[in-house]
Amino acid sequence: MNIGIYGTLVAASLVLLLGNRLVEWIPVLHNYTIPEPVAGGLVVAIVLLVVRVAGQVEVRFDTALQAPLMLAFFATIGLNANLASLKQGGPLLLRFLGVVIGLLVLQNAVGIGLAYALGVDPLLGLLGGSITLSGGHGTGAAWSKVFAEHHGVQSATEAAIACATFGLVMGGILGGPVARLLMRRVTKPDSQQTATPVDSPLAFEEPKAEQPTTSAAFIATLALIAISLAVGEALSNLLAGTAFELPTFVCVLFVGVLLSNGLALAGKPVAEHAVALLGNVSLALFLAMALMTLKLWDLASLALPVISILAAQTALMALYAIFVTFSVMGRNYDAVVLAAGHCGFGLGATPTAIANMQAVTNRFGHSHLAFLIVPMVGAFFIDIANAIVIKGYLALPIFR
């Protein structure tokens, strides 16, 4: 059964409404701050799995809007990135980047070590490490092609997509329970001490807040997003095949940063409320589409060694967020939100990290520092750091 682009958009909207109701109705979802797109999307994915198995009917959605929505979300991150604010959070941003790089190194060490212990190709362990978990579907697809063509790894692409899918699901599930556990270690939200005033939240902190804007501001922001997408895609194509090659979403974010700060210097800052509105809508719809279209049967096809590696990676992420991310980032409320966000992009993707943090702050209060740091590290710096770490591991004698 094929569902067209409009039907897919309707379904994604209903998934968000379903997730909202599920989180309200089911105490465990609320108590563990599970993001609404994750709750609604997984229910739909499970229903579609049952329909496929029991009724021998596969429902296929037209996901043509999924990539543009993701890119629009990253464009709004760039448009929301004020370099003056980033300078204020500079030392903590660098500290968090160090924490993130530490996880990248550990993920690959665990993956390779378990692959050896289980008697499988260590490259599969690398695929079940930072390539697909911190890297996501795009990085996984790119490296799996290299492993298949140059290293003869069988079913590398299928394994990479399945691992990235597993990470996307677990990244959305794990952040809430980790935050709930860590909240017992802090007395109260103390993010009011951060540089941004409480009455001026950053764009992604209050997804349910009414955003006052005008049609002119909305259209101007939409134009800036479109420019970011067009120029970012052109820049990505220009860099393709060079030593400076970057994913399209990183180029889009970079263009958004240049536009935002260039307009600010010219005395014409972007309309923050319109950026917040469009950013949160793009994020919610992208996550809903990504989760409701998950092919859970692909996860069932994973071989036992890969499942074992992914189970160990999930445990590693939880322990690392609790004992390293939380501790290094200050053992306060901001550190709790950062740990939840780290679970999101350490296993899944930056949109998942933002959704995790929104679920936590919606319940416990603002964390301006987390929303300042995580989008930039998770969307920009992590891809560069991950590429360096992966190439470093591939230079080891075992892979020659």
Protein backbone atom coordinates (compact mmCIF):
# COMPACT_ATOMS: atom_id res chain seq x y z
CA MET A 1 0.00 0.00 0.00
CA ASN A 2 1.54 3.29 -1.12
CA ILE A 3 0.64 6.54 0.64
CA GLY A 4 1.39 9.76 -1.23
CA ILE A 5 3.16 12.87 -0.02
CA TYR A 6 -0.01 14.56 1.26
CA GLY A 7 -1.19 11.44 3.04
CA THR A 8 2.26 11.11 4.63
CA LEU A 9 2.07 14.69 5.88
CA VAL A 10 -1.36 14.03 7.37
CA ALA A 11 -0.07 10.82 8.99
CA ALA A 12 2.94 12.64 10.49
CA SER A 13 0.64 15.29 11.96
CA LEU A 14 -1.59 12.61 13.47
CA VAL A 15 1.48 10.86 14.90
CA LEU A 16 2.41 14.06 16.76
CA LEU A 17 -1.13 14.42 18.12
CA LEU A 18 -1.11 10.76 19.14
CA GLY A 19 2.25 11.17 20.88
CA ASN A 20 0.94 14.19 22.76
CA ARG A 21 -2.05 12.21 24.04
CA LEU A 22 0.04 9.14 24.90
CA VAL A 23 2.44 11.17 27.02
CA GLU A 24 -0.54 12.76 28.80
CA TRP A 25 -2.43 9.49 29.33
CA ILE A 26 0.38 7.05 30.18
CA PRO A 27 2.19 8.02 33.40
CA VAL A 28 5.35 6.04 32.61
CA LEU A 29 5.89 8.03 29.39
CA HIS A 30 5.47 11.30 31.27
CA ASN A 31 7.58 10.22 34.23
CA TYR A 32 10.46 9.17 31.98
CA THR A 33 10.03 12.25 29.73
CA ILE A 34 9.75 10.31 26.47
CA PRO A 35 9.52 12.78 23.53
CA GLU A 36 6.09 12.91 21.90
CA PRO A 37 7.31 12.14 18.33
CA VAL A 38 9.09 9.06 19.72
CA ALA A 39 6.01 7.83 21.60
CA GLY A 40 3.62 8.33 18.68
CA GLY A 41 6.05 7.26 15.96
CA LEU A 42 7.00 3.98 17.64
CA VAL A 43 3.35 3.03 18.17
CA VAL A 44 2.66 3.55 14.46
CA ALA A 45 5.84 1.67 13.49
CA ILE A 46 4.80 -1.27 15.66
CA VAL A 47 1.29 -1.27 14.18
CA LEU A 48 2.76 -1.29 10.67
CA LEU A 49 5.03 -4.19 11.67
CA VAL A 50 2.00 -6.19 12.88
CA VAL A 51 0.11 -5.37 9.67
CA ARG A 52 3.08 -6.55 7.60
CA VAL A 53 3.50 -9.80 9.52
CA ALA A 54 -0.16 -10.67 10.07
CA GLY A 55 -1.76 -9.23 6.97
CA GLN A 56 1.17 -9.50 4.54
CA VAL A 57 0.66 -5.84 3.67
CA GLU A 58 3.53 -3.35 3.65
CA VAL A 59 2.57 0.30 3.99
CA ARG A 60 4.96 2.61 2.17
CA PHE A 61 5.00 6.34 2.83
CA ASP A 62 6.27 8.98 0.42
CA THR A 63 9.10 10.51 2.46
CA ALA A 64 10.06 13.18 -0.10
CA LEU A 65 9.48 15.88 2.54
CA GLN A 66 11.61 14.21 5.21
CA ALA A 67 15.00 15.42 3.97
CA PRO A 68 13.86 19.04 3.34
CA LEU A 69 12.30 19.14 6.83
CA MET A 70 15.54 17.93 8.37
CA LEU A 71 17.56 20.50 6.41
CA ALA A 72 15.08 23.25 7.37
CA PHE A 73 15.57 22.31 11.02
CA PHE A 74 19.36 22.62 10.69
CA ALA A 75 18.94 25.91 8.85
CA THR A 76 16.99 27.29 11.82
CA ILE A 77 19.75 26.10 14.17
CA GLY A 78 22.17 28.18 12.10
CA LEU A 79 19.82 31.16 11.98
CA ASN A 80 19.45 30.91 15.75
CA ALA A 81 23.23 30.73 16.36
CA ASN A 82 24.37 34.04 17.75
CA LEU A 83 28.18 34.12 17.76
CA ALA A 84 28.22 36.41 20.79
CA SER A 85 26.23 33.86 22.78
CA LEU A 86 28.45 31.03 21.55
CA LYS A 87 31.48 33.02 22.73
CA GLN A 88 29.94 33.23 26.20
CA GLY A 89 29.51 29.47 26.27
CA GLY A 90 32.89 28.82 24.62
CA PRO A 91 34.76 27.08 27.47
CA LEU A 92 31.81 24.82 28.27
CA LEU A 93 31.28 24.12 24.56
CA LEU A 94 34.90 22.96 24.29
CA ARG A 95 34.50 20.85 27.42
CA PHE A 96 31.37 19.22 26.04
CA LEU A 97 33.11 18.61 22.71
CA GLY A 98 35.86 16.80 24.62
CA VAL A 99 33.23 14.64 26.33
CA VAL A 100 31.65 13.85 22.95
CA ILE A 101 34.99 12.87 21.39
CA GLY A 102 35.66 10.59 24.34
CA LEU A 103 32.45 8.70 23.59
CA LEU A 104 33.36 8.37 19.90
CA VAL A 105 36.64 6.71 20.85
CA LEU A 106 34.95 4.37 23.35
CA GLN A 107 32.14 3.40 20.98
CA ASN A 108 34.61 2.16 18.39
CA ALA A 109 36.78 0.44 20.99
CA VAL A 110 33.75 -1.44 22.34
CA GLY A 111 32.51 -2.33 18.86
CA ILE A 112 35.87 -3.65 17.65
CA GLY A 113 36.58 -5.46 20.92
CA LEU A 114 33.24 -7.26 20.93
CA ALA A 115 33.57 -8.11 17.24
CA TYR A 116 36.86 -9.84 17.99
CA ALA A 117 35.39 -11.61 21.02
CA LEU A 118 32.39 -12.82 19.01
CA GLY A 119 34.51 -13.93 16.06
CA VAL A 120 33.16 -11.54 13.42
CA ASP A 121 34.83 -9.01 11.12
CA PRO A 122 36.09 -6.07 13.24
CA LEU A 123 34.79 -3.75 10.53
CA LEU A 124 31.28 -4.79 11.57
CA GLY A 125 32.22 -3.70 15.06
CA LEU A 126 33.27 -0.34 13.64
CA LEU A 127 29.92 -0.10 11.82
CA GLY A 128 28.22 -0.78 15.15
CA GLY A 129 30.26 2.02 16.74
CA SER A 130 30.46 5.74 16.12
CA ILE A 131 29.91 5.36 12.35
CA THR A 132 26.21 4.58 12.67
CA LEU A 133 25.42 5.60 16.24
CA SER A 134 26.98 9.04 16.60
CA GLY A 135 27.11 9.35 12.80
CA GLY A 136 23.57 8.32 11.90
CA HIS A 137 22.13 6.95 8.68
CA GLY A 138 24.07 9.25 6.35
CA THR A 139 27.50 8.49 7.79
CA GLY A 140 26.60 4.81 8.05
CA ALA A 141 25.55 4.58 4.41
CA ALA A 142 28.72 6.36 3.22
CA TRP A 143 31.16 4.20 5.20
CA SER A 144 29.31 0.94 4.57
CA LYS A 145 29.76 1.51 0.86
CA VAL A 146 33.51 1.88 1.42
CA PHE A 147 33.61 -1.28 3.55
CA ALA A 148 31.68 -3.28 0.95
CA GLU A 149 33.66 -2.12 -2.07
CA HIS A 150 37.18 -1.94 -0.62
CA HIS A 151 37.13 -4.40 2.28
CA GLY A 152 34.65 -7.01 1.02
CA VAL A 153 32.26 -6.76 4.01
CA GLN A 154 29.08 -8.63 3.10
CA SER A 155 25.73 -6.83 3.69
CA ALA A 156 27.58 -3.81 5.05
CA THR A 157 24.91 -1.35 3.90
CA GLU A 158 22.05 -3.36 5.38
CA ALA A 159 23.90 -3.71 8.68
CA ALA A 160 24.69 0.01 8.78
CA ILE A 161 21.10 1.08 8.15
CA ALA A 162 19.80 -1.37 10.75
CA CYS A 163 22.36 -0.18 13.35
CA ALA A 164 21.52 3.47 12.68
CA THR A 165 17.79 2.68 12.98
CA PHE A 166 18.38 0.93 16.30
CA GLY A 167 20.35 3.96 17.50
CA LEU A 168 17.62 6.40 16.45
CA VAL A 169 15.04 4.46 18.45
CA MET A 170 17.19 3.95 21.54
CA GLY A 171 18.50 7.53 21.45
CA GLY A 172 14.93 8.78 21.78
CA ILE A 173 14.04 6.30 24.51
CA LEU A 174 17.18 6.50 26.66
CA GLY A 175 17.42 10.27 27.24
CA GLY A 176 14.34 10.57 29.46
CA PRO A 177 15.17 7.75 31.92
CA VAL A 178 18.77 8.98 32.21
CA ALA A 179 17.54 12.51 32.97
CA ARG A 180 15.03 11.18 35.52
CA LEU A 181 17.79 9.28 37.30
CA LEU A 182 20.13 12.26 37.32
CA MET A 183 17.44 14.65 38.58
CA ARG A 184 17.69 12.87 41.92
CA ARG A 185 21.24 14.18 42.20
CA VAL A 186 20.41 17.87 41.76
CA THR A 187 18.40 20.00 44.15
CA LYS A 188 16.70 22.30 41.67
CA PRO A 189 17.09 23.67 38.13
CA ASP A 190 19.87 26.23 38.30
CA SER A 191 20.08 27.17 34.63
CA GLN A 192 18.87 30.63 35.61
CA GLN A 193 22.53 31.32 36.27
CA THR A 194 23.32 31.08 32.56
CA ALA A 195 23.93 34.13 30.40
CA THR A 196 20.54 34.16 28.63
CA PRO A 197 17.68 35.69 30.66
CA VAL A 198 14.89 33.34 31.71
CA ASP A 199 12.22 35.44 30.00
CA SER A 200 14.05 35.13 26.69
CA PRO A 201 14.31 31.39 25.95
CA LEU A 202 16.25 30.13 22.98
CA ALA A 203 14.30 29.03 19.93
CA PHE A 204 14.00 25.32 20.68
CA GLU A 205 13.42 25.48 24.43
CA GLU A 206 9.66 25.97 24.33
CA PRO A 207 8.18 24.03 21.41
CA LYS A 208 4.64 24.42 22.79
CA ALA A 209 4.89 28.14 23.52
CA GLU A 210 2.88 30.52 21.36
CA GLN A 211 5.30 32.44 19.15
CA PRO A 212 4.13 35.98 18.30
CA THR A 213 5.04 36.73 14.70
CA THR A 214 3.71 38.39 11.57
CA SER A 215 3.16 37.15 8.04
CA ALA A 216 6.03 39.38 6.83
CA ALA A 217 8.44 37.95 9.43
CA PHE A 218 7.26 34.43 8.64
CA ILE A 219 7.85 34.89 4.89
CA ALA A 220 11.25 36.56 5.46
CA THR A 221 12.33 33.65 7.68
CA LEU A 222 11.04 31.13 5.17
CA ALA A 223 13.13 32.87 2.51
CA LEU A 224 16.24 32.69 4.72
CA ILE A 225 15.65 28.97 5.27
CA ALA A 226 15.25 28.43 1.52
CA ILE A 227 18.48 30.36 0.83
CA SER A 228 20.29 28.27 3.45
CA LEU A 229 19.05 25.06 1.81
CA ALA A 230 19.92 26.14 -1.73
CA VAL A 231 23.36 27.58 -0.95
CA GLY A 232 24.16 24.81 1.52
CA GLU A 233 23.36 22.12 -1.02
CA ALA A 234 25.46 23.89 -3.67
CA LEU A 235 28.36 24.19 -1.19
CA SER A 236 28.07 20.51 -0.27
CA ASN A 237 28.18 19.52 -3.94
CA LEU A 238 31.19 21.77 -4.47
CA LEU A 239 33.10 20.15 -1.60
CA ALA A 240 32.12 16.59 -2.57
CA GLY A 241 35.14 14.40 -3.25
CA THR A 242 37.58 16.83 -1.63
CA ALA A 243 39.35 16.70 1.72
CA PHE A 244 36.82 19.24 3.01
CA GLU A 245 33.72 17.19 2.12
CA LEU A 246 30.89 17.73 4.60
CA PRO A 247 27.31 16.44 4.88
CA THR A 248 24.69 18.71 3.32
CA PHE A 249 23.05 19.54 6.65
CA VAL A 250 26.36 20.85 8.04
CA CYS A 251 26.74 23.17 5.03
CA VAL A 252 23.12 24.33 5.43
CA LEU A 253 23.73 25.09 9.12
CA PHE A 254 26.93 26.97 8.26
CA VAL A 255 25.12 29.14 5.71
CA GLY A 256 22.40 29.84 8.28
CA VAL A 257 25.05 31.02 10.78
CA LEU A 258 26.56 33.36 8.18
CA LEU A 259 23.15 34.78 7.22
CA SER A 260 22.03 35.31 10.81
CA ASN A 261 25.19 37.01 12.01
CA GLY A 262 25.65 38.95 8.78
CA LEU A 263 22.14 40.40 9.11
CA ALA A 264 22.76 41.17 12.79
CA LEU A 265 25.89 43.17 11.89
CA ALA A 266 23.85 45.03 9.27
CA GLY A 267 21.31 45.99 11.92
CA LYS A 268 18.59 43.70 10.56
CA PRO A 269 18.48 40.67 12.87
CA VAL A 270 16.40 37.63 12.03
CA ALA A 271 12.89 37.32 13.47
CA GLU A 272 13.61 35.01 16.40
CA HIS A 273 9.99 34.04 17.02
CA ALA A 274 9.46 33.07 13.39
CA VAL A 275 12.70 31.04 13.46
CA ALA A 276 11.49 29.28 16.61
CA LEU A 277 8.10 28.52 15.09
CA LEU A 278 9.43 27.14 11.80
CA GLY A 279 12.28 25.30 13.51
CA ASN A 280 10.04 23.48 15.96
CA VAL A 281 7.49 22.58 13.28
CA SER A 282 10.24 21.21 11.01
CA LEU A 283 11.79 19.26 13.88
CA ALA A 284 8.50 17.71 15.03
CA LEU A 285 7.37 16.68 11.54
CA PHE A 286 10.81 15.30 10.63
CA LEU A 287 10.98 13.14 13.74
CA ALA A 288 7.40 11.95 13.28
CA MET A 289 8.13 10.90 9.69
CA ALA A 290 11.47 9.31 10.62
CA LEU A 291 9.98 7.20 13.40
CA MET A 292 6.66 6.24 11.84
CA THR A 293 8.47 4.99 8.71
CA LEU A 294 10.95 2.84 10.62
CA LYS A 295 11.18 -0.65 9.19
CA LEU A 296 11.35 -2.52 12.47
CA TRP A 297 11.66 -5.81 10.61
CA ASP A 298 15.14 -4.70 9.54
CA LEU A 299 16.14 -4.74 13.20
CA ALA A 300 14.83 -8.29 13.53
CA SER A 301 17.17 -9.35 10.73
CA LEU A 302 20.30 -8.33 12.65
CA ALA A 303 22.63 -11.21 13.43
CA LEU A 304 23.19 -12.07 17.09
CA PRO A 305 26.76 -10.64 17.20
CA VAL A 306 25.56 -7.24 15.93
CA ILE A 307 22.64 -7.23 18.37
CA SER A 308 25.10 -7.96 21.18
CA ILE A 309 27.33 -5.09 20.09
CA LEU A 310 24.37 -2.68 19.95
CA ALA A 311 23.13 -3.79 23.37
CA ALA A 312 26.59 -3.09 24.79
CA GLN A 313 26.66 0.31 23.05
CA THR A 314 23.32 1.22 24.63
CA ALA A 315 24.64 0.35 28.08
CA LEU A 316 27.84 2.30 27.34
CA MET A 317 25.84 5.39 26.34
CA ALA A 318 23.74 5.30 29.50
CA LEU A 319 26.74 4.80 31.79
CA TYR A 320 28.80 7.43 29.95
CA ALA A 321 26.00 10.02 30.16
CA ILE A 322 25.52 9.35 33.89
CA PHE A 323 29.12 9.10 35.05
CA VAL A 324 31.02 11.21 32.49
CA THR A 325 28.79 13.74 30.73
CA PHE A 326 26.89 14.68 33.88
CA SER A 327 30.01 14.82 36.05
CA VAL A 328 32.29 16.69 33.64
CA MET A 329 29.62 19.24 32.72
CA GLY A 330 29.06 20.35 36.31
CA ARG A 331 26.70 17.90 38.07
CA ASN A 332 23.87 20.46 37.95
CA TYR A 333 20.57 20.83 36.10
CA ASP A 334 22.25 22.01 32.90
CA ALA A 335 24.39 18.87 33.06
CA VAL A 336 21.22 16.73 33.36
CA VAL A 337 19.78 18.25 30.17
CA LEU A 338 23.14 17.94 28.40
CA ALA A 339 23.29 14.25 29.37
CA ALA A 340 19.80 13.68 27.94
CA GLY A 341 20.81 15.47 24.74
CA HIS A 342 24.03 13.47 24.52
CA CYS A 343 21.98 10.25 24.63
CA GLY A 344 20.01 11.60 21.69
CA PHE A 345 22.87 12.25 19.29
CA GLY A 346 25.31 9.75 20.84
CA LEU A 347 23.01 6.96 19.67
CA GLY A 348 20.69 8.66 17.22
CA ALA A 349 20.82 12.15 15.70
CA THR A 350 20.78 15.83 16.62
CA PRO A 351 16.99 16.18 16.13
CA THR A 352 16.56 13.34 18.63
CA ALA A 353 18.85 15.17 21.06
CA ILE A 354 16.76 18.34 20.79
CA ALA A 355 13.55 16.36 21.31
CA ASN A 356 15.05 14.70 24.40
CA MET A 357 16.02 18.07 25.87
CA GLN A 358 12.64 19.60 25.07
CA ALA A 359 10.91 16.75 26.91
CA VAL A 360 13.12 17.31 29.97
CA THR A 361 12.92 21.11 30.06
CA ASN A 362 9.17 21.06 29.38
CA ARG A 363 8.81 19.20 32.68
CA PHE A 364 11.61 20.58 34.85
CA GLY A 365 12.43 24.06 33.52
CA HIS A 366 14.73 25.98 31.17
CA SER A 367 18.32 25.09 30.38
CA HIS A 368 19.66 27.83 28.13
CA LEU A 369 23.20 26.47 28.26
CA ALA A 370 22.18 23.06 26.93
CA PHE A 371 20.22 24.53 24.03
CA LEU A 372 23.16 26.78 23.22
CA ILE A 373 25.78 24.02 23.18
CA VAL A 374 24.12 20.80 21.98
CA PRO A 375 22.80 21.99 18.57
CA MET A 376 26.22 23.30 17.51
CA VAL A 377 28.23 20.34 18.81
CA GLY A 378 25.70 17.72 17.67
CA ALA A 379 25.10 19.23 14.26
CA PHE A 380 28.50 20.58 13.29
CA PHE A 381 31.54 19.60 15.34
CA ILE A 382 30.61 15.95 15.88
CA ASP A 383 30.77 15.07 12.17
CA ILE A 384 34.26 16.50 11.82
CA ALA A 385 35.45 14.82 15.02
CA ASN A 386 33.81 11.52 14.05
CA ALA A 387 35.52 11.48 10.66
CA ILE A 388 38.92 11.99 12.31
CA VAL A 389 38.28 9.26 14.90
CA ILE A 390 37.06 6.77 12.27
CA LYS A 391 40.07 7.36 10.03
CA GLY A 392 42.32 7.00 13.04
CA TYR A 393 40.88 3.57 13.81
CA LEU A 394 41.11 2.48 10.16
CA ALA A 395 44.84 3.30 10.28
CA LEU A 396 45.34 0.59 12.93
CA PRO A 397 47.29 -2.52 11.77
CA ILE A 398 44.24 -4.79 12.17
CA PHE A 399 42.51 -3.03 9.26
CA ARG A 400 45.44 -3.01 6.85
